[in-house]
Amino acid sequence: MILGDGEIQEGQIWEAAIFAANNNLDNLCAFIDYNKLQLTSKVEDVFGKCNLLSVWTDLGWQCLEIDGHDFEEIDMAVKFKSGKPKVIIAHTIKGKGVSFMENKIEWHSKKISEEEFEKAMLELR
C-alpha cells in the first residue's frame, strides 16, 4: 500500500499497523511517500518531529529508509524479505525535477495550466 506522510496522522493507519504486526502479516508492504509536505503545511507543523523509523520499528515492522527517487533502492527494498510486515520510508521531493513545483506546498492540489504543463514537460526531458 502507498501512504502519504500526512495521511499517516490518521488513527485507522495506526490501528491497521498494530493489527498487521500482531498478526505477523509478512506479505504486507507499506510505502510512505516522505516528502515532508501535506495539503496546507509542513508535516512537522502538525505531526511534530516524529522519528518514523523508530515508531514503525517499535510497532514490530521491518523498516527500510530509501531515496524514493532511486529505482535501484526501491527495487532492493521491495525484494527484501524479513518475516514481518515491511514499511519502506521513501524520502522524496514533491515536484522533483520541475523548478517551479519542487518543495512547494501549493502544488499538492493545484491545477496545472497548459503553459505550466508544457514548461514542466520540457524540464523533465
Foldseek 3Di string as FASTA:
>chain_A
DEAELQRCVDPVNVVVLLVQQVVQVQVAEYEYAPQQEDQPGGSCVPPNPDDVVVVSVVSREAEAEEAQVDPVRVVVQVPDGDSGYYYYYHHYWALPQQVVGTNDNNVNDDDDDPVSVVSSVVSND
